[in-house]
């Protein structure tokens, strides 16, 4: 049985809903046009609440600095905390620093270290940009937003919707309880396979982050040459 949508439903006769489609399209178009020009990039995530003198802030700044020295563009959510630290580290290394800021009811103020700043109204279009142009995800301690980005990435890799790339969690102490829950609950309950935990890696040092990404792409290049 096919039910016809009443007038005014799903954008029919509703100008606001119709224009929303064009706003969504414009976010994708702007993001694709800008980010397709930036070359190899790494997306870095973490808490907006990290203080400038905190260990997480310093870790993010150092990681971004080293990755920028390796030639990677650094992409963040464009806000304060870990995002600011990563953009700052990239800028210090004279690398390209990008912020994908989100408009929120309580406005997230963009940090001053992004060379390119794109603003998004919709989380889902912003999330596409993080994944589409990233050669790796680096995930520092954070809250719901950080967890959302992490889970999104490993789900896409697990379901083979995107090619595998390094997903790196930083700081064993922070992530250990979540990983323990995956091992002791999700695997025994049959919710995931044990090899699904191989989709991501946990490290403590900025140098380890760089080494994992470097080794991953060195191996990938070798595989291509061997074909």
C-alpha atoms as a PDB file:
ATOM      1  CA  UNK A   1       0.000   0.000   0.000  1.00  0.00           C
ATOM      2  CA  UNK A   2       1.400   3.390  -1.039  1.00  0.00           C
ATOM      3  CA  UNK A   3       0.511   6.380   1.090  1.00  0.00           C
ATOM      4  CA  UNK A   4       0.687   9.798  -0.493  1.00  0.00           C
ATOM      5  CA  UNK A   5       2.352  12.493   1.557  1.00  0.00           C
ATOM      6  CA  UNK A   6      -0.015  15.312   2.502  1.00  0.00           C
ATOM      7  CA  UNK A   7       0.680  18.807   1.206  1.00  0.00           C
ATOM      8  CA  UNK A   8       3.166  20.636   3.350  1.00  0.00           C
ATOM      9  CA  UNK A   9       4.928  17.411   4.370  1.00  0.00           C
ATOM     10  CA  UNK A  10       8.627  16.766   3.643  1.00  0.00           C
ATOM     11  CA  UNK A  11       9.081  20.091   1.925  1.00  0.00           C
ATOM     12  CA  UNK A  12       6.009  20.015  -0.314  1.00  0.00           C
ATOM     13  CA  UNK A  13       4.510  23.452   0.000  1.00  0.00           C
ATOM     14  CA  UNK A  14       6.905  24.236   2.860  1.00  0.00           C
ATOM     15  CA  UNK A  15       9.478  26.802   1.770  1.00  0.00           C
ATOM     16  CA  UNK A  16      11.618  26.340   4.883  1.00  0.00           C
ATOM     17  CA  UNK A  17      12.106  22.615   4.261  1.00  0.00           C
ATOM     18  CA  UNK A  18      12.816  23.150   0.580  1.00  0.00           C
ATOM     19  CA  UNK A  19      15.456  25.783   1.283  1.00  0.00           C
ATOM     20  CA  UNK A  20      17.039  23.485   3.856  1.00  0.00           C
ATOM     21  CA  UNK A  21      17.918  21.115   1.017  1.00  0.00           C
ATOM     22  CA  UNK A  22      19.786  23.919  -0.756  1.00  0.00           C
ATOM     23  CA  UNK A  23      21.623  24.879   2.445  1.00  0.00           C
ATOM     24  CA  UNK A  24      22.748  21.267   2.839  1.00  0.00           C
ATOM     25  CA  UNK A  25      23.868  21.138  -0.786  1.00  0.00           C
ATOM     26  CA  UNK A  26      25.814  24.376  -0.403  1.00  0.00           C
ATOM     27  CA  UNK A  27      27.704  22.976   2.596  1.00  0.00           C
ATOM     28  CA  UNK A  28      28.767  19.917   0.617  1.00  0.00           C
ATOM     29  CA  UNK A  29      29.736  21.993  -2.424  1.00  0.00           C
ATOM     30  CA  UNK A  30      31.785  24.497  -0.405  1.00  0.00           C
ATOM     31  CA  UNK A  31      33.504  21.712   1.523  1.00  0.00           C
ATOM     32  CA  UNK A  32      34.321  19.653  -1.556  1.00  0.00           C
ATOM     33  CA  UNK A  33      35.644  22.645  -3.487  1.00  0.00           C
ATOM     34  CA  UNK A  34      37.939  23.831  -0.717  1.00  0.00           C
ATOM     35  CA  UNK A  35      39.162  20.568   0.787  1.00  0.00           C
ATOM     36  CA  UNK A  36      39.800  18.821  -2.529  1.00  0.00           C
ATOM     37  CA  UNK A  37      42.693  21.261  -2.982  1.00  0.00           C
ATOM     38  CA  UNK A  38      44.532  20.659   0.302  1.00  0.00           C
ATOM     39  CA  UNK A  39      46.349  17.393  -0.419  1.00  0.00           C
ATOM     40  CA  UNK A  40      46.996  14.706   2.180  1.00  0.00           C
ATOM     41  CA  UNK A  41      45.383  15.584   5.500  1.00  0.00           C
ATOM     42  CA  UNK A  42      44.959  14.228   9.014  1.00  0.00           C
ATOM     43  CA  UNK A  43      41.844  14.966  11.067  1.00  0.00           C
ATOM     44  CA  UNK A  44      42.503  15.542  14.762  1.00  0.00           C
ATOM     45  CA  UNK A  45      39.755  15.336  17.398  1.00  0.00           C
ATOM     46  CA  UNK A  46      39.497  15.970  21.108  1.00  0.00           C
ATOM     47  CA  UNK A  47      37.781  17.962  23.802  1.00  0.00           C
ATOM     48  CA  UNK A  48      36.877  21.597  23.256  1.00  0.00           C
ATOM     49  CA  UNK A  49      37.260  21.962  27.033  1.00  0.00           C
ATOM     50  CA  UNK A  50      40.986  21.177  27.199  1.00  0.00           C
ATOM     51  CA  UNK A  51      42.833  24.054  28.879  1.00  0.00           C
ATOM     52  CA  UNK A  52      45.883  25.579  27.252  1.00  0.00           C
ATOM     53  CA  UNK A  53      48.193  24.380  30.013  1.00  0.00           C
ATOM     54  CA  UNK A  54      46.765  20.837  30.034  1.00  0.00           C
ATOM     55  CA  UNK A  55      48.554  17.675  28.955  1.00  0.00           C
ATOM     56  CA  UNK A  56      45.956  16.989  26.241  1.00  0.00           C
ATOM     57  CA  UNK A  57      46.383  20.452  24.741  1.00  0.00           C
ATOM     58  CA  UNK A  58      50.159  20.038  24.629  1.00  0.00           C
ATOM     59  CA  UNK A  59      49.862  16.553  23.152  1.00  0.00           C
ATOM     60  CA  UNK A  60      47.581  17.794  20.365  1.00  0.00           C
ATOM     61  CA  UNK A  61      49.864  20.706  19.567  1.00  0.00           C
ATOM     62  CA  UNK A  62      52.923  18.450  19.358  1.00  0.00           C
ATOM     63  CA  UNK A  63      51.157  15.804  17.256  1.00  0.00           C
ATOM     64  CA  UNK A  64      49.950  18.400  14.755  1.00  0.00           C
ATOM     65  CA  UNK A  65      53.385  20.017  14.626  1.00  0.00           C
ATOM     66  CA  UNK A  66      55.074  16.713  13.764  1.00  0.00           C
ATOM     67  CA  UNK A  67      52.434  15.723  11.205  1.00  0.00           C
ATOM     68  CA  UNK A  68      52.642  19.118   9.514  1.00  0.00           C
ATOM     69  CA  UNK A  69      56.401  18.639   9.273  1.00  0.00           C
ATOM     70  CA  UNK A  70      55.658  15.357   7.492  1.00  0.00           C
ATOM     71  CA  UNK A  71      53.667  17.340   4.927  1.00  0.00           C
ATOM     72  CA  UNK A  72      50.141  16.700   6.180  1.00  0.00           C
ATOM     73  CA  UNK A  73      47.420  19.315   6.287  1.00  0.00           C
ATOM     74  CA  UNK A  74      45.772  19.374   9.711  1.00  0.00           C
ATOM     75  CA  UNK A  75      41.971  19.415   9.903  1.00  0.00           C
ATOM     76  CA  UNK A  76      40.092  20.068  13.153  1.00  0.00           C
ATOM     77  CA  UNK A  77      36.641  21.131  14.263  1.00  0.00           C
ATOM     78  CA  UNK A  78      37.906  24.707  14.325  1.00  0.00           C
ATOM     79  CA  UNK A  79      36.990  25.450  17.947  1.00  0.00           C
ATOM     80  CA  UNK A  80      38.881  25.780  21.239  1.00  0.00           C
ATOM     81  CA  UNK A  81      40.706  23.186  23.332  1.00  0.00           C
ATOM     82  CA  UNK A  82      42.307  20.290  21.470  1.00  0.00           C
ATOM     83  CA  UNK A  83      41.092  21.739  18.158  1.00  0.00           C
ATOM     84  CA  UNK A  84      42.882  25.014  18.816  1.00  0.00           C
ATOM     85  CA  UNK A  85      46.018  23.175  19.925  1.00  0.00           C
ATOM     86  CA  UNK A  86      46.152  21.121  16.729  1.00  0.00           C
ATOM     87  CA  UNK A  87      45.614  24.114  14.465  1.00  0.00           C
ATOM     88  CA  UNK A  88      48.268  25.974  16.461  1.00  0.00           C
ATOM     89  CA  UNK A  89      50.777  23.141  16.129  1.00  0.00           C
ATOM     90  CA  UNK A  90      50.273  22.965  12.370  1.00  0.00           C
ATOM     91  CA  UNK A  91      50.735  26.689  12.035  1.00  0.00           C
ATOM     92  CA  UNK A  92      53.938  26.588  14.093  1.00  0.00           C
ATOM     93  CA  UNK A  93      55.322  24.007  11.683  1.00  0.00           C
ATOM     94  CA  UNK A  94      54.293  26.223   8.749  1.00  0.00           C
ATOM     95  CA  UNK A  95      51.801  23.596   7.612  1.00  0.00           C
ATOM     96  CA  UNK A  96      48.291  24.168   6.335  1.00  0.00           C
ATOM     97  CA  UNK A  97      45.762  24.408   9.161  1.00  0.00           C
ATOM     98  CA  UNK A  98      42.027  23.982   8.553  1.00  0.00           C
ATOM     99  CA  UNK A  99      39.057  24.411  10.884  1.00  0.00           C
ATOM    100  CA  UNK A 100      35.571  23.053  10.188  1.00  0.00           C
ATOM    101  CA  UNK A 101      33.528  25.049  12.657  1.00  0.00           C
ATOM    102  CA  UNK A 102      29.987  24.122  13.672  1.00  0.00           C
ATOM    103  CA  UNK A 103      27.211  26.603  14.455  1.00  0.00           C
ATOM    104  CA  UNK A 104      25.695  25.770  17.834  1.00  0.00           C
ATOM    105  CA  UNK A 105      22.987  27.355  20.018  1.00  0.00           C
ATOM    106  CA  UNK A 106      25.814  28.341  22.345  1.00  0.00           C
ATOM    107  CA  UNK A 107      28.168  29.532  19.651  1.00  0.00           C
ATOM    108  CA  UNK A 108      31.495  27.755  19.294  1.00  0.00           C
ATOM    109  CA  UNK A 109      34.007  30.518  18.733  1.00  0.00           C
ATOM    110  CA  UNK A 110      36.565  29.635  16.022  1.00  0.00           C
ATOM    111  CA  UNK A 111      40.177  29.533  17.137  1.00  0.00           C
ATOM    112  CA  UNK A 112      42.617  31.983  15.515  1.00  0.00           C
ATOM    113  CA  UNK A 113      45.062  29.406  14.117  1.00  0.00           C
ATOM    114  CA  UNK A 114      43.135  28.035  11.137  1.00  0.00           C
ATOM    115  CA  UNK A 115      44.402  29.243   7.763  1.00  0.00           C
ATOM    116  CA  UNK A 116      41.113  28.117   6.213  1.00  0.00           C
ATOM    117  CA  UNK A 117      37.864  28.199   8.168  1.00  0.00           C
ATOM    118  CA  UNK A 118      34.640  26.638   6.915  1.00  0.00           C
ATOM    119  CA  UNK A 119      31.413  27.005   8.883  1.00  0.00           C
ATOM    120  CA  UNK A 120      28.740  24.312   8.992  1.00  0.00           C
ATOM    121  CA  UNK A 121      25.152  24.333  10.161  1.00  0.00           C
ATOM    122  CA  UNK A 122      24.776  20.538   9.910  1.00  0.00           C
ATOM    123  CA  UNK A 123      26.868  17.990  11.775  1.00  0.00           C
ATOM    124  CA  UNK A 124      26.414  15.301   9.132  1.00  0.00           C
ATOM    125  CA  UNK A 125      27.850  17.356   6.259  1.00  0.00           C
ATOM    126  CA  UNK A 126      30.752  18.434   8.463  1.00  0.00           C
ATOM    127  CA  UNK A 127      31.450  14.804   9.403  1.00  0.00           C
ATOM    128  CA  UNK A 128      31.681  13.838   5.731  1.00  0.00           C
ATOM    129  CA  UNK A 129      34.453  16.400   5.269  1.00  0.00           C
ATOM    130  CA  UNK A 130      36.473  15.000   8.163  1.00  0.00           C
ATOM    131  CA  UNK A 131      36.392  11.507   6.688  1.00  0.00           C
ATOM    132  CA  UNK A 132      36.530  12.173   2.951  1.00  0.00           C
ATOM    133  CA  UNK A 133      39.801  14.084   2.956  1.00  0.00           C
ATOM    134  CA  UNK A 134      41.633  12.373   5.834  1.00  0.00           C
ATOM    135  CA  UNK A 135      44.528   9.958   5.524  1.00  0.00           C
ATOM    136  CA  UNK A 136      44.215   9.266   9.249  1.00  0.00           C
ATOM    137  CA  UNK A 137      42.151  10.099  12.331  1.00  0.00           C
ATOM    138  CA  UNK A 138      43.926  11.061  15.532  1.00  0.00           C
ATOM    139  CA  UNK A 139      41.578  11.020  18.520  1.00  0.00           C
ATOM    140  CA  UNK A 140      42.579  12.571  21.825  1.00  0.00           C
ATOM    141  CA  UNK A 141      40.497  12.462  25.017  1.00  0.00           C
ATOM    142  CA  UNK A 142      37.118  14.118  24.561  1.00  0.00           C
ATOM    143  CA  UNK A 143      33.394  13.921  25.170  1.00  0.00           C
ATOM    144  CA  UNK A 144      30.347  12.919  23.138  1.00  0.00           C
ATOM    145  CA  UNK A 145      31.444  14.724  19.971  1.00  0.00           C
ATOM    146  CA  UNK A 146      34.868  13.087  20.019  1.00  0.00           C
ATOM    147  CA  UNK A 147      33.358   9.653  20.659  1.00  0.00           C
ATOM    148  CA  UNK A 148      30.915  10.236  17.811  1.00  0.00           C
ATOM    149  CA  UNK A 149      33.716  10.928  15.333  1.00  0.00           C
ATOM    150  CA  UNK A 150      35.706   7.904  16.538  1.00  0.00           C
ATOM    151  CA  UNK A 151      32.757   5.498  16.328  1.00  0.00           C
ATOM    152  CA  UNK A 152      31.718   6.887  12.938  1.00  0.00           C
ATOM    153  CA  UNK A 153      35.184   6.204  11.508  1.00  0.00           C
ATOM    154  CA  UNK A 154      35.564   2.663  12.826  1.00  0.00           C
ATOM    155  CA  UNK A 155      32.000   1.803  11.769  1.00  0.00           C
ATOM    156  CA  UNK A 156      32.668   2.949   8.209  1.00  0.00           C
ATOM    157  CA  UNK A 157      35.879   0.914   8.104  1.00  0.00           C
ATOM    158  CA  UNK A 158      34.261  -2.152   9.712  1.00  0.00           C
ATOM    159  CA  UNK A 159      31.400  -2.123   7.202  1.00  0.00           C
ATOM    160  CA  UNK A 160      33.808  -1.442   4.316  1.00  0.00           C
ATOM    161  CA  UNK A 161      32.071   1.771   3.347  1.00  0.00           C
ATOM    162  CA  UNK A 162      35.466   3.462   3.191  1.00  0.00           C
ATOM    163  CA  UNK A 163      39.005   2.185   2.697  1.00  0.00           C
ATOM    164  CA  UNK A 164      40.905   1.392   5.853  1.00  0.00           C
ATOM    165  CA  UNK A 165      43.154   4.127   7.227  1.00  0.00           C
ATOM    166  CA  UNK A 166      44.908   4.672  10.577  1.00  0.00           C
ATOM    167  CA  UNK A 167      42.564   5.495  13.453  1.00  0.00           C
ATOM    168  CA  UNK A 168      44.751   6.345  16.420  1.00  0.00           C
ATOM    169  CA  UNK A 169      43.584   6.895  19.981  1.00  0.00           C
ATOM    170  CA  UNK A 170      45.980   8.919  22.114  1.00  0.00           C
ATOM    171  CA  UNK A 171      46.429   8.224  25.845  1.00  0.00           C
ATOM    172  CA  UNK A 172      45.998   4.653  27.059  1.00  0.00           C
ATOM    173  CA  UNK A 173      44.844   5.747  30.512  1.00  0.00           C
ATOM    174  CA  UNK A 174      41.816   7.577  29.101  1.00  0.00           C
ATOM    175  CA  UNK A 175      40.737   4.982  26.540  1.00  0.00           C
ATOM    176  CA  UNK A 176      41.431   1.797  28.547  1.00  0.00           C
ATOM    177  CA  UNK A 177      37.974   1.574  30.224  1.00  0.00           C
ATOM    178  CA  UNK A 178      36.191   1.871  26.868  1.00  0.00           C
ATOM    179  CA  UNK A 179      38.422  -0.750  25.264  1.00  0.00           C
ATOM    180  CA  UNK A 180      37.965  -3.049  28.265  1.00  0.00           C
ATOM    181  CA  UNK A 181      34.194  -2.731  27.818  1.00  0.00           C
ATOM    182  CA  UNK A 182      34.524  -3.646  24.151  1.00  0.00           C
ATOM    183  CA  UNK A 183      36.653  -6.680  25.023  1.00  0.00           C
ATOM    184  CA  UNK A 184      34.598  -7.896  27.988  1.00  0.00           C
ATOM    185  CA  UNK A 185      31.088  -7.043  26.795  1.00  0.00           C
ATOM    186  CA  UNK A 186      30.820  -6.454  23.044  1.00  0.00           C
ATOM    187  CA  UNK A 187      32.946  -9.438  21.994  1.00  0.00           C
ATOM    188  CA  UNK A 188      31.407 -12.024  24.400  1.00  0.00           C
ATOM    189  CA  UNK A 189      27.916 -10.796  23.507  1.00  0.00           C
ATOM    190  CA  UNK A 190      28.734 -11.287  19.817  1.00  0.00           C
ATOM    191  CA  UNK A 191      28.230  -7.610  18.989  1.00  0.00           C
ATOM    192  CA  UNK A 192      31.639  -7.284  17.329  1.00  0.00           C
ATOM    193  CA  UNK A 193      34.433  -9.649  16.286  1.00  0.00           C
ATOM    194  CA  UNK A 194      37.777  -9.627  18.068  1.00  0.00           C
ATOM    195  CA  UNK A 195      39.536  -8.503  14.895  1.00  0.00           C
ATOM    196  CA  UNK A 196      37.344  -5.386  14.835  1.00  0.00           C
ATOM    197  CA  UNK A 197      39.561  -4.035  17.613  1.00  0.00           C
ATOM    198  CA  UNK A 198      42.440  -4.051  15.120  1.00  0.00           C
ATOM    199  CA  UNK A 199      40.739  -1.200  13.235  1.00  0.00           C
ATOM    200  CA  UNK A 200      42.248   1.271  15.695  1.00  0.00           C
ATOM    201  CA  UNK A 201      45.484   1.641  17.667  1.00  0.00           C
ATOM    202  CA  UNK A 202      46.173   3.221  21.060  1.00  0.00           C
ATOM    203  CA  UNK A 203      49.399   5.143  21.740  1.00  0.00           C
ATOM    204  CA  UNK A 204      50.768   7.623  24.238  1.00  0.00           C
ATOM    205  CA  UNK A 205      53.399   9.658  22.390  1.00  0.00           C
ATOM    206  CA  UNK A 206      53.171  12.071  19.453  1.00  0.00           C
ATOM    207  CA  UNK A 207      56.100  10.286  17.848  1.00  0.00           C
ATOM    208  CA  UNK A 208      54.163   6.999  17.869  1.00  0.00           C
ATOM    209  CA  UNK A 209      51.279   8.696  16.051  1.00  0.00           C
ATOM    210  CA  UNK A 210      53.597   9.835  13.270  1.00  0.00           C
ATOM    211  CA  UNK A 211      55.310   6.440  13.055  1.00  0.00           C
ATOM    212  CA  UNK A 212      52.018   4.551  12.693  1.00  0.00           C
ATOM    213  CA  UNK A 213      50.834   6.793   9.871  1.00  0.00           C
ATOM    214  CA  UNK A 214      54.224   6.717   8.156  1.00  0.00           C
ATOM    215  CA  UNK A 215      54.465   2.908   8.344  1.00  0.00           C
ATOM    216  CA  UNK A 216      50.876   2.399   7.167  1.00  0.00           C
ATOM    217  CA  UNK A 217      51.412   4.352   3.954  1.00  0.00           C
ATOM    218  CA  UNK A 218      54.906   2.974   3.365  1.00  0.00           C
ATOM    219  CA  UNK A 219      53.420  -0.524   3.461  1.00  0.00           C
ATOM    220  CA  UNK A 220      50.571   0.530   1.193  1.00  0.00           C
ATOM    221  CA  UNK A 221      53.003   1.958  -1.361  1.00  0.00           C
ATOM    222  CA  UNK A 222      55.049  -1.256  -1.222  1.00  0.00           C
ATOM    223  CA  UNK A 223      51.940  -3.340  -1.865  1.00  0.00           C
ATOM    224  CA  UNK A 224      51.112  -1.243  -4.922  1.00  0.00           C
ATOM    225  CA  UNK A 225      54.632  -1.640  -6.290  1.00  0.00           C
ATOM    226  CA  UNK A 226      54.510  -5.424  -5.795  1.00  0.00           C
ATOM    227  CA  UNK A 227      51.410  -5.841  -7.942  1.00  0.00           C
END
